[in-house]
Amino acid sequence: MTAFDKHISINGDCTSTYSQCGQIYSQQGETEKALQVFNKALELDKTNSEGYFHRGLIHYNKQIWDLALSDFNKTLKYEPQHPEAL
């Protein structure tokens, strides 16, 4: 993750970097770190459908249904044809 950390330190407002970093944390099973990173991405861009989708997946896997549903609905709000959220 050091390359991502370095990129974020240089380009702190790059939401795609945060989303990619969050996905990697999630795949590694580090869901709390992933949630923090997705939250930061969404703080920078409230219309980031990928951030909502992947955060929703984490909530879904943790069986936090209301938060998962909220994130999936926001995914579709900002990207109505999101292939995985449909």
N, C-alpha and C. Protein backbone atom coordinates (compact mmCIF):
# COMPACT_ATOMS: atom_id res chain seq x y z
N MET A 1 0.82 -1.20 0.00
CA MET A 1 0.00 0.00 0.00
C MET A 1 0.86 1.26 0.00
N THR A 2 2.14 1.15 0.09
CA THR A 2 2.96 2.35 0.18
C THR A 2 2.85 3.22 -1.06
N ALA A 3 2.69 2.63 -2.23
CA ALA A 3 2.53 3.44 -3.45
C ALA A 3 1.25 4.25 -3.38
N PHE A 4 0.16 3.64 -2.88
CA PHE A 4 -1.09 4.39 -2.72
C PHE A 4 -0.94 5.48 -1.68
N ASP A 5 -0.31 5.14 -0.57
CA ASP A 5 -0.10 6.14 0.48
C ASP A 5 0.68 7.34 -0.06
N LYS A 6 1.71 7.06 -0.85
CA LYS A 6 2.51 8.14 -1.43
C LYS A 6 1.67 8.96 -2.41
N HIS A 7 0.90 8.28 -3.25
CA HIS A 7 0.05 8.98 -4.22
C HIS A 7 -0.97 9.86 -3.50
N ILE A 8 -1.56 9.35 -2.45
CA ILE A 8 -2.55 10.12 -1.68
C ILE A 8 -1.89 11.32 -1.02
N SER A 9 -0.66 11.15 -0.53
CA SER A 9 0.01 12.29 0.11
C SER A 9 0.30 13.39 -0.91
N ILE A 10 0.52 13.02 -2.16
CA ILE A 10 0.77 14.00 -3.21
C ILE A 10 -0.53 14.55 -3.77
N ASN A 11 -1.50 13.68 -4.01
CA ASN A 11 -2.78 14.04 -4.62
C ASN A 11 -3.91 13.74 -3.65
N GLY A 12 -3.96 14.45 -2.56
CA GLY A 12 -4.90 14.16 -1.49
C GLY A 12 -6.36 14.30 -1.85
N ASP A 13 -6.66 14.93 -2.99
CA ASP A 13 -8.06 15.11 -3.36
C ASP A 13 -8.47 14.21 -4.53
N CYS A 14 -7.72 13.17 -4.79
CA CYS A 14 -7.99 12.27 -5.91
C CYS A 14 -8.90 11.13 -5.43
N THR A 15 -10.20 11.26 -5.69
CA THR A 15 -11.16 10.28 -5.18
C THR A 15 -10.96 8.90 -5.78
N SER A 16 -10.51 8.82 -7.03
CA SER A 16 -10.32 7.50 -7.62
C SER A 16 -9.21 6.73 -6.90
N THR A 17 -8.20 7.43 -6.44
CA THR A 17 -7.13 6.77 -5.68
C THR A 17 -7.67 6.23 -4.36
N TYR A 18 -8.49 7.02 -3.69
CA TYR A 18 -9.10 6.55 -2.44
C TYR A 18 -9.97 5.33 -2.69
N SER A 19 -10.75 5.36 -3.77
CA SER A 19 -11.62 4.22 -4.07
C SER A 19 -10.81 2.97 -4.36
N GLN A 20 -9.74 3.10 -5.14
CA GLN A 20 -8.90 1.95 -5.44
C GLN A 20 -8.23 1.41 -4.17
N CYS A 21 -7.76 2.31 -3.35
CA CYS A 21 -7.12 1.92 -2.09
C CYS A 21 -8.13 1.19 -1.19
N GLY A 22 -9.35 1.71 -1.12
CA GLY A 22 -10.39 1.08 -0.33
C GLY A 22 -10.71 -0.32 -0.81
N GLN A 23 -10.73 -0.50 -2.13
CA GLN A 23 -11.00 -1.83 -2.69
C GLN A 23 -9.90 -2.81 -2.30
N ILE A 24 -8.66 -2.35 -2.32
CA ILE A 24 -7.55 -3.23 -1.95
C ILE A 24 -7.63 -3.61 -0.47
N TYR A 25 -7.88 -2.62 0.38
CA TYR A 25 -8.05 -2.93 1.81
C TYR A 25 -9.18 -3.94 2.01
N SER A 26 -10.27 -3.74 1.31
CA SER A 26 -11.41 -4.64 1.44
C SER A 26 -11.05 -6.06 1.01
N GLN A 27 -10.36 -6.19 -0.12
CA GLN A 27 -9.95 -7.50 -0.62
C GLN A 27 -8.98 -8.19 0.34
N GLN A 28 -8.22 -7.40 1.08
CA GLN A 28 -7.28 -7.96 2.05
C GLN A 28 -7.94 -8.26 3.39
N GLY A 29 -9.24 -7.98 3.48
CA GLY A 29 -9.97 -8.25 4.72
C GLY A 29 -9.84 -7.15 5.76
N GLU A 30 -9.26 -6.03 5.38
CA GLU A 30 -9.09 -4.91 6.31
C GLU A 30 -10.26 -3.95 6.13
N THR A 31 -11.44 -4.41 6.56
CA THR A 31 -12.66 -3.66 6.27
C THR A 31 -12.75 -2.33 6.99
N GLU A 32 -12.20 -2.23 8.18
CA GLU A 32 -12.26 -0.94 8.89
C GLU A 32 -11.43 0.12 8.18
N LYS A 33 -10.25 -0.27 7.71
CA LYS A 33 -9.43 0.66 6.93
C LYS A 33 -10.14 1.01 5.62
N ALA A 34 -10.74 0.01 5.00
CA ALA A 34 -11.46 0.25 3.75
C ALA A 34 -12.59 1.24 3.96
N LEU A 35 -13.35 1.06 5.04
CA LEU A 35 -14.44 2.00 5.33
C LEU A 35 -13.92 3.42 5.52
N GLN A 36 -12.82 3.57 6.22
CA GLN A 36 -12.24 4.90 6.42
C GLN A 36 -11.86 5.54 5.09
N VAL A 37 -11.28 4.75 4.21
CA VAL A 37 -10.84 5.28 2.92
C VAL A 37 -12.05 5.62 2.04
N PHE A 38 -13.06 4.75 2.02
CA PHE A 38 -14.27 5.06 1.23
C PHE A 38 -14.97 6.29 1.79
N ASN A 39 -15.00 6.42 3.10
CA ASN A 39 -15.61 7.61 3.70
C ASN A 39 -14.87 8.87 3.27
N LYS A 40 -13.55 8.80 3.20
CA LYS A 40 -12.76 9.96 2.75
C LYS A 40 -13.06 10.27 1.28
N ALA A 41 -13.15 9.24 0.46
CA ALA A 41 -13.47 9.45 -0.96
C ALA A 41 -14.83 10.12 -1.10
N LEU A 42 -15.80 9.68 -0.30
CA LEU A 42 -17.15 10.25 -0.38
C LEU A 42 -17.21 11.64 0.22
N GLU A 43 -16.34 11.92 1.17
CA GLU A 43 -16.25 13.27 1.72
C GLU A 43 -15.77 14.25 0.64
N LEU A 44 -14.85 13.77 -0.20
CA LEU A 44 -14.31 14.60 -1.28
C LEU A 44 -15.27 14.73 -2.45
N ASP A 45 -16.04 13.67 -2.70
CA ASP A 45 -16.98 13.67 -3.84
C ASP A 45 -18.24 12.91 -3.44
N LYS A 46 -19.27 13.63 -3.11
CA LYS A 46 -20.52 13.02 -2.64
C LYS A 46 -21.27 12.28 -3.75
N THR A 47 -20.81 12.40 -5.01
CA THR A 47 -21.47 11.71 -6.12
C THR A 47 -20.67 10.49 -6.60
N ASN A 48 -19.71 10.04 -5.83
CA ASN A 48 -18.83 8.94 -6.20
C ASN A 48 -19.58 7.60 -6.07
N SER A 49 -20.18 7.17 -7.15
CA SER A 49 -21.01 5.96 -7.10
C SER A 49 -20.21 4.72 -6.71
N GLU A 50 -18.96 4.62 -7.16
CA GLU A 50 -18.14 3.46 -6.81
C GLU A 50 -17.83 3.43 -5.31
N GLY A 51 -17.62 4.59 -4.73
CA GLY A 51 -17.39 4.65 -3.29
C GLY A 51 -18.59 4.14 -2.52
N TYR A 52 -19.79 4.59 -2.93
CA TYR A 52 -21.01 4.13 -2.27
C TYR A 52 -21.19 2.62 -2.47
N PHE A 53 -20.94 2.14 -3.69
CA PHE A 53 -21.15 0.73 -3.96
C PHE A 53 -20.24 -0.15 -3.10
N HIS A 54 -18.96 0.17 -3.09
CA HIS A 54 -18.03 -0.68 -2.34
C HIS A 54 -18.21 -0.56 -0.83
N ARG A 55 -18.58 0.63 -0.38
CA ARG A 55 -18.90 0.77 1.05
C ARG A 55 -20.15 -0.05 1.37
N GLY A 56 -21.11 -0.04 0.45
CA GLY A 56 -22.32 -0.85 0.62
C GLY A 56 -22.01 -2.34 0.71
N LEU A 57 -21.06 -2.79 -0.10
CA LEU A 57 -20.67 -4.21 -0.04
C LEU A 57 -20.11 -4.57 1.33
N ILE A 58 -19.33 -3.69 1.89
CA ILE A 58 -18.78 -3.95 3.23
C ILE A 58 -19.91 -4.04 4.25
N HIS A 59 -20.84 -3.09 4.19
CA HIS A 59 -21.98 -3.13 5.11
C HIS A 59 -22.81 -4.39 4.89
N TYR A 60 -23.00 -4.77 3.64
CA TYR A 60 -23.76 -5.98 3.32
C TYR A 60 -23.08 -7.21 3.93
N ASN A 61 -21.78 -7.33 3.73
CA ASN A 61 -21.04 -8.48 4.26
C ASN A 61 -21.03 -8.50 5.79
N LYS A 62 -21.17 -7.33 6.41
CA LYS A 62 -21.25 -7.26 7.87
C LYS A 62 -22.70 -7.39 8.35
N GLN A 63 -23.61 -7.58 7.42
CA GLN A 63 -25.05 -7.71 7.69
C GLN A 63 -25.63 -6.47 8.36
N ILE A 64 -25.13 -5.32 7.95
CA ILE A 64 -25.70 -4.04 8.40
C ILE A 64 -26.60 -3.57 7.26
N TRP A 65 -27.78 -4.16 7.22
CA TRP A 65 -28.66 -4.06 6.06
C TRP A 65 -29.09 -2.63 5.74
N ASP A 66 -29.43 -1.84 6.76
CA ASP A 66 -29.92 -0.49 6.48
C ASP A 66 -28.83 0.38 5.84
N LEU A 67 -27.60 0.27 6.30
CA LEU A 67 -26.52 1.05 5.70
C LEU A 67 -26.17 0.53 4.30
N ALA A 68 -26.21 -0.78 4.13
CA ALA A 68 -25.95 -1.35 2.80
C ALA A 68 -26.98 -0.87 1.80
N LEU A 69 -28.25 -0.93 2.18
CA LEU A 69 -29.32 -0.49 1.29
C LEU A 69 -29.19 0.99 0.95
N SER A 70 -28.87 1.79 1.95
CA SER A 70 -28.69 3.22 1.73
C SER A 70 -27.56 3.47 0.73
N ASP A 71 -26.44 2.78 0.89
CA ASP A 71 -25.32 2.97 -0.03
C ASP A 71 -25.64 2.47 -1.43
N PHE A 72 -26.33 1.35 -1.54
CA PHE A 72 -26.70 0.85 -2.87
C PHE A 72 -27.69 1.79 -3.56
N ASN A 73 -28.61 2.36 -2.80
CA ASN A 73 -29.54 3.33 -3.37
C ASN A 73 -28.81 4.58 -3.86
N LYS A 74 -27.81 5.02 -3.11
CA LYS A 74 -27.02 6.19 -3.54
C LYS A 74 -26.19 5.84 -4.77
N THR A 75 -25.70 4.61 -4.84
CA THR A 75 -24.98 4.17 -6.04
C THR A 75 -25.87 4.36 -7.26
N LEU A 76 -27.10 3.89 -7.17
CA LEU A 76 -28.03 3.98 -8.30
C LEU A 76 -28.50 5.41 -8.55
N LYS A 77 -28.53 6.22 -7.52
CA LYS A 77 -28.90 7.62 -7.70
C LYS A 77 -27.89 8.32 -8.60
N TYR A 78 -26.61 8.06 -8.37
CA TYR A 78 -25.56 8.75 -9.11
C TYR A 78 -25.11 8.00 -10.37
N GLU A 79 -25.44 6.71 -10.44
CA GLU A 79 -25.14 5.93 -11.64
C GLU A 79 -26.27 4.92 -11.84
N PRO A 80 -27.39 5.38 -12.43
CA PRO A 80 -28.60 4.55 -12.53
C PRO A 80 -28.39 3.21 -13.23
N GLN A 81 -27.41 3.09 -14.07
CA GLN A 81 -27.18 1.83 -14.78
C GLN A 81 -25.95 1.08 -14.24
N HIS A 82 -25.60 1.34 -12.99
CA HIS A 82 -24.45 0.65 -12.39
C HIS A 82 -24.68 -0.85 -12.51
N PRO A 83 -23.80 -1.56 -13.22
CA PRO A 83 -24.07 -2.97 -13.53
C PRO A 83 -24.17 -3.89 -12.32
N GLU A 84 -23.42 -3.63 -11.28
CA GLU A 84 -23.43 -4.53 -10.13
C GLU A 84 -24.49 -4.16 -9.11
N ALA A 85 -24.92 -2.92 -9.11
CA ALA A 85 -25.90 -2.47 -8.12
C ALA A 85 -27.33 -2.74 -8.58
N LEU A 86 -27.51 -3.03 -9.87
CA LEU A 86 -28.86 -3.27 -10.38
C LEU A 86 -29.44 -4.53 -9.88
